[in-house]
Amino acid sequence: RYEFPFDIDLKEFCEDSVIETDYELFAVVIHKGTCYSGHYYGYIKDVDHIGCWTRPPPPLSPA
């Protein structure tokens, strides 16, 4: 299970000249697999509340 904060302050990773360092999480991309193969999953915030979001189906097993 993965958990991400909805708000994040990136001040420690920015130069001092950067004024705005607070960001709101909008999307997450996760890779599941190895460095040679796998699948990417994207989770995007539905800011307009118009989507019907479902989980991806589980991977198929070889028969």
Protein backbone atom coordinates (compact mmCIF):
# COMPACT_ATOMS: atom_id res chain seq x y z
CA ARG A 1 0.00 0.00 0.00
CA TYR A 2 1.24 3.47 -0.86
CA GLU A 3 0.34 6.66 0.94
CA PHE A 4 1.14 10.18 -0.21
CA PRO A 5 0.45 13.50 1.50
CA PHE A 6 -2.01 15.76 -0.33
CA ASP A 7 0.16 18.81 0.39
CA ILE A 8 3.95 18.86 0.26
CA ASP A 9 6.55 21.53 0.95
CA LEU A 10 9.60 21.14 -1.31
CA LYS A 11 11.56 23.97 0.33
CA GLU A 12 14.47 21.70 1.31
CA PHE A 13 14.93 20.72 -2.37
CA CYS A 14 14.68 24.25 -3.84
CA GLU A 15 17.09 27.15 -4.14
CA ASP A 16 16.65 30.01 -1.69
CA SER A 17 15.46 32.28 -4.53
CA VAL A 18 12.33 30.15 -5.05
CA ILE A 19 9.42 31.85 -3.28
CA GLU A 20 6.60 29.30 -3.62
CA THR A 21 7.54 25.82 -2.42
CA ASP A 22 4.16 24.44 -1.29
CA TYR A 23 2.47 22.10 -3.77
CA GLU A 24 -0.79 20.16 -3.87
CA LEU A 25 -0.59 16.56 -5.04
CA PHE A 26 -2.40 16.12 -8.37
CA ALA A 27 -1.19 12.78 -9.74
CA VAL A 28 0.98 9.80 -8.90
CA VAL A 29 2.68 7.34 -11.28
CA ILE A 30 3.69 3.96 -9.88
CA HIS A 31 5.80 1.29 -11.61
CA LYS A 32 5.30 -2.34 -10.65
CA GLY A 33 7.78 -4.87 -12.00
CA THR A 34 11.48 -5.02 -12.70
CA CYS A 35 13.87 -2.63 -14.40
CA TYR A 36 13.38 -4.67 -17.62
CA SER A 37 9.60 -5.01 -17.68
CA GLY A 38 6.49 -4.13 -15.75
CA HIS A 39 3.45 -1.91 -15.73
CA TYR A 40 2.87 1.73 -14.91
CA TYR A 41 -0.23 2.85 -13.03
CA GLY A 42 -1.36 6.45 -12.99
CA TYR A 43 -3.63 7.94 -10.36
CA ILE A 44 -4.97 11.41 -11.13
CA LYS A 45 -7.09 13.64 -8.91
CA ASP A 46 -10.55 14.22 -10.36
CA VAL A 47 -10.72 17.96 -9.66
CA ASP A 48 -13.98 18.43 -11.62
CA HIS A 49 -15.68 15.36 -10.11
CA ILE A 50 -16.79 14.13 -13.55
CA GLY A 51 -14.94 10.83 -13.74
CA CYS A 52 -15.94 7.34 -12.82
CA TRP A 53 -12.76 5.83 -11.42
CA THR A 54 -12.17 2.12 -11.03
CA ARG A 55 -9.16 0.05 -10.09
CA PRO A 56 -7.33 -1.70 -12.94
CA PRO A 57 -8.10 -5.41 -13.28
CA PRO A 58 -5.62 -7.84 -11.70
CA PRO A 59 -2.97 -9.26 -14.06
CA LEU A 60 -3.91 -12.42 -15.91
CA SER A 61 -2.16 -15.67 -15.01
CA PRO A 62 -0.78 -17.87 -17.81
CA ALA A 63 -3.11 -20.78 -18.55
